[in-house]
C-alpha atoms as a PDB file:
ATOM      1  CA  MET A   1     -40.962  20.593 -36.708  1.00  0.00           C
ATOM      2  CA  ILE A   2     -39.432  21.013 -33.279  1.00  0.00           C
ATOM      3  CA  THR A   3     -41.468  22.261 -30.352  1.00  0.00           C
ATOM      4  CA  THR A   4     -40.466  22.880 -26.787  1.00  0.00           C
ATOM      5  CA  LYS A   5     -42.099  24.109 -23.613  1.00  0.00           C
ATOM      6  CA  VAL A   6     -40.407  26.702 -21.435  1.00  0.00           C
ATOM      7  CA  GLY A   7     -41.623  28.835 -18.625  1.00  0.00           C
ATOM      8  CA  PRO A   8     -42.096  28.976 -14.881  1.00  0.00           C
ATOM      9  CA  GLY A   9     -41.179  26.036 -12.729  1.00  0.00           C
ATOM     10  CA  ARG A  10     -41.974  24.789  -9.262  1.00  0.00           C
ATOM     11  CA  ASP A  11     -39.725  23.903  -6.360  1.00  0.00           C
ATOM     12  CA  PRO A  12     -39.994  20.525  -4.558  1.00  0.00           C
ATOM     13  CA  SER A  13     -42.691  21.903  -2.216  1.00  0.00           C
ATOM     14  CA  GLY A  14     -44.847  23.019  -5.172  1.00  0.00           C
ATOM     15  CA  ARG A  15     -44.246  26.752  -4.858  1.00  0.00           C
ATOM     16  CA  TRP A  16     -43.668  28.735  -8.042  1.00  0.00           C
ATOM     17  CA  LEU A  17     -40.059  29.681  -8.724  1.00  0.00           C
ATOM     18  CA  PRO A  18     -39.101  33.310  -9.434  1.00  0.00           C
ATOM     19  CA  HIS A  19     -39.159  34.594 -13.021  1.00  0.00           C
ATOM     20  CA  ALA A  20     -36.636  32.847 -15.226  1.00  0.00           C
ATOM     21  CA  THR A  21     -33.799  34.844 -16.751  1.00  0.00           C
ATOM     22  CA  PRO A  22     -33.192  34.714 -20.511  1.00  0.00           C
ATOM     23  CA  GLU A  23     -30.221  32.410 -19.827  1.00  0.00           C
ATOM     24  CA  GLN A  24     -32.403  30.004 -17.833  1.00  0.00           C
ATOM     25  CA  LEU A  25     -35.036  29.954 -20.586  1.00  0.00           C
ATOM     26  CA  ARG A  26     -32.340  29.222 -23.160  1.00  0.00           C
ATOM     27  CA  GLY A  27     -31.096  26.395 -20.928  1.00  0.00           C
ATOM     28  CA  GLN A  28     -34.602  24.910 -20.807  1.00  0.00           C
ATOM     29  CA  ILE A  29     -34.762  24.969 -24.599  1.00  0.00           C
ATOM     30  CA  GLU A  30     -31.328  23.390 -24.971  1.00  0.00           C
ATOM     31  CA  ASP A  31     -32.167  20.686 -22.391  1.00  0.00           C
ATOM     32  CA  GLY A  32     -35.364  19.889 -24.285  1.00  0.00           C
ATOM     33  CA  CYS A  33     -33.450  19.374 -27.528  1.00  0.00           C
ATOM     34  CA  GLU A  34     -31.091  16.720 -26.172  1.00  0.00           C
END
């Protein structure tokens, strides 16, 4: 089984980043599988 966590992120100051695009979410998944 492979699990991964994707979703909103925070900038260096702790503020929430804008909504992620589908491409950014896919990138998070691919980064998590390396």
